[in-house]
Amino acid sequence: MFGNDRKIDYFCSENVKLNGKMEPKIGETMKVSPSLTGLDEWVEGSVIQVEHNPFQGLVIAIKDKLGRIFFGKSKYFVLV
């Protein structure tokens, strides 16, 4: 029982790289791909949440200047 908890703690404390850089921090600016948003252009916004999801991997949420929130796998995001 306690062995599994330790593995989860270790996983969440790892430094995950995003396109060769360290994972984003809350408040940093990122762009999200049209593949995720369904819009014609990349959308720029501020990171509001970074989650280590055991099923999806690193999940990022950003909020743009219009107040829209986009979230998904890190592969759809780039640091600005």
C-alpha atoms as a PDB file:
ATOM      1  CA  MET A   1       0.000   0.000   0.000  1.00  0.00           C
ATOM      2  CA  PHE A   2       2.652   2.546   0.966  1.00  0.00           C
ATOM      3  CA  GLY A   3       4.926   1.482  -1.908  1.00  0.00           C
ATOM      4  CA  ASN A   4       2.453   2.757  -4.508  1.00  0.00           C
ATOM      5  CA  ASP A   5       2.089   6.112  -2.724  1.00  0.00           C
ATOM      6  CA  ARG A   6       5.848   6.616  -2.839  1.00  0.00           C
ATOM      7  CA  LYS A   7       5.935   5.912  -6.587  1.00  0.00           C
ATOM      8  CA  ILE A   8       3.234   8.517  -7.203  1.00  0.00           C
ATOM      9  CA  ASP A   9       5.078  11.104  -5.083  1.00  0.00           C
ATOM     10  CA  TYR A  10       8.288  10.417  -7.003  1.00  0.00           C
ATOM     11  CA  PHE A  11       6.526  10.676 -10.366  1.00  0.00           C
ATOM     12  CA  CYS A  12       4.957  14.027  -9.481  1.00  0.00           C
ATOM     13  CA  SER A  13       8.240  15.454  -8.260  1.00  0.00           C
ATOM     14  CA  GLU A  14      10.200  14.602 -11.429  1.00  0.00           C
ATOM     15  CA  ASN A  15      11.283  17.432 -13.707  1.00  0.00           C
ATOM     16  CA  VAL A  16       9.497  16.828 -16.988  1.00  0.00           C
ATOM     17  CA  LYS A  17      10.903  18.363 -20.159  1.00  0.00           C
ATOM     18  CA  LEU A  18       8.706  20.041 -22.756  1.00  0.00           C
ATOM     19  CA  ASN A  19      10.329  20.324 -26.185  1.00  0.00           C
ATOM     20  CA  GLY A  20      13.791  20.212 -24.589  1.00  0.00           C
ATOM     21  CA  LYS A  21      12.925  22.746 -21.859  1.00  0.00           C
ATOM     22  CA  MET A  22      11.777  22.343 -18.301  1.00  0.00           C
ATOM     23  CA  GLU A  23       8.040  22.054 -17.690  1.00  0.00           C
ATOM     24  CA  PRO A  24       6.153  25.361 -17.685  1.00  0.00           C
ATOM     25  CA  LYS A  25       5.392  27.245 -14.513  1.00  0.00           C
ATOM     26  CA  ILE A  26       2.118  28.946 -13.641  1.00  0.00           C
ATOM     27  CA  GLY A  27       2.072  32.446 -15.103  1.00  0.00           C
ATOM     28  CA  GLU A  28       4.387  31.691 -18.045  1.00  0.00           C
ATOM     29  CA  THR A  29       3.173  32.426 -21.559  1.00  0.00           C
ATOM     30  CA  MET A  30       2.501  29.576 -23.972  1.00  0.00           C
ATOM     31  CA  LYS A  31       0.803  29.008 -27.298  1.00  0.00           C
ATOM     32  CA  VAL A  32      -1.628  26.172 -27.962  1.00  0.00           C
ATOM     33  CA  SER A  33      -1.961  24.430 -31.326  1.00  0.00           C
ATOM     34  CA  PRO A  34      -4.998  24.786 -33.606  1.00  0.00           C
ATOM     35  CA  SER A  35      -5.128  20.971 -33.553  1.00  0.00           C
ATOM     36  CA  LEU A  36      -6.347  21.203 -29.968  1.00  0.00           C
ATOM     37  CA  THR A  37      -8.440  24.393 -30.121  1.00  0.00           C
ATOM     38  CA  GLY A  38     -10.124  23.857 -33.477  1.00  0.00           C
ATOM     39  CA  LEU A  39      -9.360  27.479 -34.372  1.00  0.00           C
ATOM     40  CA  ASP A  40      -7.400  28.750 -37.384  1.00  0.00           C
ATOM     41  CA  GLU A  41      -4.421  30.184 -35.454  1.00  0.00           C
ATOM     42  CA  TRP A  42      -2.255  29.374 -32.468  1.00  0.00           C
ATOM     43  CA  VAL A  43      -3.719  30.903 -29.293  1.00  0.00           C
ATOM     44  CA  GLU A  44      -1.411  32.584 -26.770  1.00  0.00           C
ATOM     45  CA  GLY A  45      -2.212  32.537 -23.082  1.00  0.00           C
ATOM     46  CA  SER A  46      -0.935  32.339 -19.545  1.00  0.00           C
ATOM     47  CA  VAL A  47      -0.424  28.969 -17.841  1.00  0.00           C
ATOM     48  CA  ILE A  48      -2.984  28.497 -15.076  1.00  0.00           C
ATOM     49  CA  GLN A  49      -2.411  24.815 -14.267  1.00  0.00           C
ATOM     50  CA  VAL A  50       0.151  22.052 -14.847  1.00  0.00           C
ATOM     51  CA  GLU A  51      -0.923  18.516 -13.983  1.00  0.00           C
ATOM     52  CA  HIS A  52       0.961  15.229 -13.987  1.00  0.00           C
ATOM     53  CA  ASN A  53      -1.826  12.935 -15.113  1.00  0.00           C
ATOM     54  CA  PRO A  54      -0.942   9.228 -14.818  1.00  0.00           C
ATOM     55  CA  PHE A  55      -2.980   8.404 -17.941  1.00  0.00           C
ATOM     56  CA  GLN A  56      -2.354  11.430 -20.188  1.00  0.00           C
ATOM     57  CA  GLY A  57       1.105  12.523 -19.040  1.00  0.00           C
ATOM     58  CA  LEU A  58       1.754  16.229 -18.588  1.00  0.00           C
ATOM     59  CA  VAL A  59      -1.492  18.210 -18.998  1.00  0.00           C
ATOM     60  CA  ILE A  60      -1.349  21.996 -19.341  1.00  0.00           C
ATOM     61  CA  ALA A  61      -4.140  24.564 -19.019  1.00  0.00           C
ATOM     62  CA  ILE A  62      -3.838  28.133 -20.312  1.00  0.00           C
ATOM     63  CA  LYS A  63      -6.152  31.135 -20.225  1.00  0.00           C
ATOM     64  CA  ASP A  64      -6.050  33.610 -23.115  1.00  0.00           C
ATOM     65  CA  LYS A  65      -6.749  37.355 -23.078  1.00  0.00           C
ATOM     66  CA  LEU A  66     -10.420  36.715 -23.955  1.00  0.00           C
ATOM     67  CA  GLY A  67     -10.829  34.547 -20.863  1.00  0.00           C
ATOM     68  CA  ARG A  68     -11.037  31.260 -22.777  1.00  0.00           C
ATOM     69  CA  ILE A  69      -9.383  28.246 -21.165  1.00  0.00           C
ATOM     70  CA  PHE A  70      -7.668  25.555 -23.216  1.00  0.00           C
ATOM     71  CA  PHE A  71      -6.158  22.392 -21.771  1.00  0.00           C
ATOM     72  CA  GLY A  72      -4.622  19.222 -23.081  1.00  0.00           C
ATOM     73  CA  LYS A  73      -1.490  17.134 -23.479  1.00  0.00           C
ATOM     74  CA  SER A  74       1.787  19.037 -23.478  1.00  0.00           C
ATOM     75  CA  LYS A  75       2.475  18.051 -27.106  1.00  0.00           C
ATOM     76  CA  TYR A  76      -0.033  20.719 -28.208  1.00  0.00           C
ATOM     77  CA  PHE A  77       1.749  23.563 -26.375  1.00  0.00           C
ATOM     78  CA  VAL A  78       4.918  25.595 -26.997  1.00  0.00           C
ATOM     79  CA  LEU A  79       6.628  28.095 -24.728  1.00  0.00           C
ATOM     80  CA  VAL A  80       6.701  31.676 -25.985  1.00  0.00           C
END
